[in-house]
Amino acid sequence: MSQQPYEQELAKALLEAGMEEPEIRETARRRLPAKTEIRIQAPFDPVTEETELYRRLAQEIDDRYDRYVQESTNEENT
């Protein structure tokens, strides 16, 4: 038994009933996933903590992270 006639009848009924323009937009808006952003304020900077740990274990070839550490400590003091 084929479902195609039933599907066509259902599609026709839905198209004939139609929706008003604001309803279509509202329905589409409700289907969109909510935009969420979760931020957690840490009492310390994990990058700075990890950098300090690595500096205790090994010597850096260059001073790439010095500026970052200085900036992060300045932000903590303000």
N, C-alpha and C. Protein backbone atom coordinates (compact mmCIF):
# COMPACT_ATOMS: atom_id res chain seq x y z
N MET A 1 0.84 -1.17 0.00
CA MET A 1 0.00 0.00 0.00
C MET A 1 0.89 1.24 0.00
N SER A 2 0.67 2.14 -0.91
CA SER A 2 1.51 3.30 -1.09
C SER A 2 1.04 4.45 -0.19
N GLN A 3 1.98 5.13 0.39
CA GLN A 3 1.67 6.28 1.25
C GLN A 3 1.68 7.58 0.47
N GLN A 4 2.09 7.53 -0.78
CA GLN A 4 2.23 8.74 -1.57
C GLN A 4 0.92 9.52 -1.69
N PRO A 5 -0.23 8.89 -1.97
CA PRO A 5 -1.47 9.68 -2.04
C PRO A 5 -1.80 10.38 -0.72
N TYR A 6 -1.53 9.71 0.38
CA TYR A 6 -1.79 10.32 1.69
C TYR A 6 -0.87 11.51 1.93
N GLU A 7 0.40 11.35 1.55
CA GLU A 7 1.35 12.44 1.71
C GLU A 7 0.97 13.63 0.84
N GLN A 8 0.53 13.36 -0.38
CA GLN A 8 0.11 14.44 -1.28
C GLN A 8 -1.12 15.15 -0.73
N GLU A 9 -2.06 14.38 -0.19
CA GLU A 9 -3.27 14.98 0.38
C GLU A 9 -2.92 15.84 1.60
N LEU A 10 -2.02 15.34 2.43
CA LEU A 10 -1.59 16.11 3.60
C LEU A 10 -0.87 17.39 3.18
N ALA A 11 0.02 17.30 2.20
CA ALA A 11 0.73 18.48 1.72
C ALA A 11 -0.24 19.49 1.14
N LYS A 12 -1.23 19.02 0.40
CA LYS A 12 -2.23 19.92 -0.18
C LYS A 12 -3.03 20.62 0.91
N ALA A 13 -3.44 19.86 1.93
CA ALA A 13 -4.22 20.44 3.03
C ALA A 13 -3.40 21.49 3.78
N LEU A 14 -2.12 21.20 3.99
CA LEU A 14 -1.27 22.16 4.69
C LEU A 14 -1.04 23.42 3.87
N LEU A 15 -0.87 23.26 2.57
CA LEU A 15 -0.66 24.42 1.71
C LEU A 15 -1.91 25.28 1.60
N GLU A 16 -3.07 24.63 1.55
CA GLU A 16 -4.32 25.37 1.44
C GLU A 16 -4.62 26.14 2.73
N ALA A 17 -4.33 25.52 3.86
CA ALA A 17 -4.58 26.18 5.14
C ALA A 17 -3.69 27.41 5.26
N GLY A 18 -2.44 27.24 4.89
CA GLY A 18 -1.50 28.35 4.88
C GLY A 18 -1.29 28.98 6.24
N MET A 19 -0.34 29.86 6.29
CA MET A 19 -0.05 30.61 7.51
C MET A 19 0.15 32.05 7.11
N GLU A 20 -0.20 32.91 8.00
CA GLU A 20 0.05 34.33 7.74
C GLU A 20 1.54 34.60 7.88
N GLU A 21 2.01 35.64 7.25
CA GLU A 21 3.43 35.98 7.23
C GLU A 21 4.02 36.12 8.64
N PRO A 22 3.39 36.85 9.56
CA PRO A 22 3.97 36.93 10.92
C PRO A 22 4.05 35.57 11.61
N GLU A 23 3.06 34.71 11.37
CA GLU A 23 3.09 33.39 12.00
C GLU A 23 4.24 32.57 11.46
N ILE A 24 4.51 32.67 10.17
CA ILE A 24 5.61 31.92 9.56
C ILE A 24 6.93 32.37 10.18
N ARG A 25 7.10 33.67 10.29
CA ARG A 25 8.34 34.19 10.87
C ARG A 25 8.49 33.81 12.33
N GLU A 26 7.41 33.86 13.08
CA GLU A 26 7.46 33.50 14.50
C GLU A 26 7.78 32.02 14.67
N THR A 27 7.18 31.19 13.84
CA THR A 27 7.45 29.75 13.90
C THR A 27 8.90 29.48 13.56
N ALA A 28 9.40 30.13 12.53
CA ALA A 28 10.81 29.95 12.14
C ALA A 28 11.74 30.43 13.25
N ARG A 29 11.39 31.54 13.90
CA ARG A 29 12.21 32.07 14.99
C ARG A 29 12.25 31.09 16.16
N ARG A 30 11.13 30.48 16.47
CA ARG A 30 11.08 29.53 17.59
C ARG A 30 11.89 28.27 17.30
N ARG A 31 12.03 27.92 16.03
CA ARG A 31 12.79 26.72 15.68
C ARG A 31 14.30 26.93 15.76
N LEU A 32 14.75 28.17 15.73
CA LEU A 32 16.17 28.45 15.80
C LEU A 32 16.69 28.12 17.20
N PRO A 33 17.89 27.58 17.29
CA PRO A 33 18.45 27.32 18.62
C PRO A 33 18.79 28.64 19.31
N ALA A 34 18.64 28.65 20.59
CA ALA A 34 18.93 29.86 21.37
C ALA A 34 20.43 30.15 21.34
N LYS A 35 20.77 31.41 21.22
CA LYS A 35 22.18 31.80 21.25
C LYS A 35 22.56 31.98 22.71
N THR A 36 23.40 31.09 23.18
CA THR A 36 23.82 31.18 24.57
C THR A 36 25.33 31.27 24.64
N GLU A 37 25.78 31.96 25.63
CA GLU A 37 27.21 32.07 25.86
C GLU A 37 27.40 32.01 27.37
N ILE A 38 28.21 31.09 27.78
CA ILE A 38 28.45 30.91 29.21
C ILE A 38 29.86 31.40 29.51
N ARG A 39 29.94 32.31 30.43
CA ARG A 39 31.24 32.84 30.85
C ARG A 39 31.40 32.60 32.34
N ILE A 40 32.57 32.14 32.68
CA ILE A 40 32.88 31.89 34.08
C ILE A 40 34.04 32.80 34.46
N GLN A 41 33.85 33.57 35.50
CA GLN A 41 34.91 34.46 35.96
C GLN A 41 35.75 33.70 36.97
N ALA A 42 36.98 33.46 36.60
CA ALA A 42 37.89 32.72 37.47
C ALA A 42 38.63 33.69 38.38
N PRO A 43 38.95 33.26 39.59
CA PRO A 43 39.69 34.13 40.50
C PRO A 43 41.15 34.32 40.08
N PHE A 44 41.62 33.50 39.13
CA PHE A 44 42.99 33.62 38.63
C PHE A 44 42.99 33.33 37.13
N ASP A 45 44.07 33.70 36.47
CA ASP A 45 44.20 33.48 35.03
C ASP A 45 44.87 32.12 34.82
N PRO A 46 44.17 31.14 34.27
CA PRO A 46 44.76 29.81 34.11
C PRO A 46 45.97 29.79 33.16
N VAL A 47 45.99 30.68 32.16
CA VAL A 47 47.13 30.72 31.25
C VAL A 47 48.38 31.19 31.99
N THR A 48 48.22 32.20 32.81
CA THR A 48 49.35 32.71 33.58
C THR A 48 49.85 31.66 34.56
N GLU A 49 48.93 30.98 35.22
CA GLU A 49 49.32 29.94 36.17
C GLU A 49 50.09 28.82 35.47
N GLU A 50 49.60 28.40 34.32
CA GLU A 50 50.27 27.32 33.59
C GLU A 50 51.64 27.77 33.08
N THR A 51 51.73 29.02 32.62
CA THR A 51 53.01 29.55 32.14
C THR A 51 54.02 29.59 33.27
N GLU A 52 53.60 30.02 34.44
CA GLU A 52 54.51 30.05 35.59
C GLU A 52 54.97 28.64 35.95
N LEU A 53 54.09 27.67 35.85
CA LEU A 53 54.46 26.28 36.13
C LEU A 53 55.52 25.80 35.14
N TYR A 54 55.31 26.05 33.87
CA TYR A 54 56.29 25.64 32.86
C TYR A 54 57.62 26.37 33.04
N ARG A 55 57.57 27.61 33.46
CA ARG A 55 58.81 28.35 33.67
C ARG A 55 59.61 27.77 34.83
N ARG A 56 58.93 27.21 35.79
CA ARG A 56 59.63 26.55 36.90
C ARG A 56 60.31 25.27 36.42
N LEU A 57 59.70 24.60 35.43
CA LEU A 57 60.23 23.32 34.95
C LEU A 57 61.34 23.49 33.92
N ALA A 58 61.25 24.51 33.08
CA ALA A 58 62.23 24.67 32.00
C ALA A 58 62.47 26.14 31.73
N GLN A 59 63.59 26.40 31.07
CA GLN A 59 63.93 27.78 30.71
C GLN A 59 63.42 28.06 29.30
N GLU A 60 62.80 29.23 29.11
CA GLU A 60 62.30 29.61 27.80
C GLU A 60 63.44 30.07 26.90
N ILE A 61 63.31 29.78 25.61
CA ILE A 61 64.30 30.22 24.63
C ILE A 61 64.14 31.71 24.38
N ASP A 62 62.91 32.15 24.24
CA ASP A 62 62.65 33.58 24.04
C ASP A 62 61.65 34.04 25.10
N ASP A 63 61.36 35.32 25.12
CA ASP A 63 60.47 35.88 26.15
C ASP A 63 59.09 36.18 25.59
N ARG A 64 58.50 35.21 24.92
CA ARG A 64 57.20 35.42 24.28
C ARG A 64 56.10 35.74 25.29
N TYR A 65 56.14 35.12 26.44
CA TYR A 65 55.02 35.24 27.37
C TYR A 65 55.21 36.36 28.39
N ASP A 66 56.35 37.01 28.38
CA ASP A 66 56.58 38.08 29.36
C ASP A 66 55.55 39.19 29.24
N ARG A 67 55.27 39.62 28.02
CA ARG A 67 54.30 40.71 27.83
C ARG A 67 52.91 40.28 28.30
N TYR A 68 52.52 39.03 27.98
CA TYR A 68 51.21 38.54 28.41
C TYR A 68 51.11 38.52 29.94
N VAL A 69 52.15 38.04 30.58
CA VAL A 69 52.14 37.97 32.05
C VAL A 69 52.07 39.37 32.64
N GLN A 70 52.82 40.32 32.07
CA GLN A 70 52.79 41.69 32.57
C GLN A 70 51.40 42.30 32.40
N GLU A 71 50.78 42.07 31.24
CA GLU A 71 49.44 42.61 31.00
C GLU A 71 48.42 41.99 31.95
N SER A 72 48.52 40.69 32.17
CA SER A 72 47.54 40.04 33.04
C SER A 72 47.71 40.48 34.49
N THR A 73 48.94 40.70 34.92
CA THR A 73 49.12 41.17 36.30
C THR A 73 48.67 42.61 36.44
N ASN A 74 48.83 43.42 35.39
CA ASN A 74 48.33 44.80 35.43
C ASN A 74 46.81 44.82 35.52
N GLU A 75 46.14 43.92 34.81
CA GLU A 75 44.67 43.85 34.86
C GLU A 75 44.19 43.42 36.23
N GLU A 76 44.93 42.51 36.86
CA GLU A 76 44.54 42.04 38.19
C GLU A 76 44.67 43.16 39.22
N ASN A 77 45.64 44.03 39.04
CA ASN A 77 45.88 45.11 39.99
C ASN A 77 44.90 46.26 39.84
N THR A 78 44.27 46.37 38.69
CA THR A 78 43.33 47.49 38.48
C THR A 78 41.95 47.16 38.94
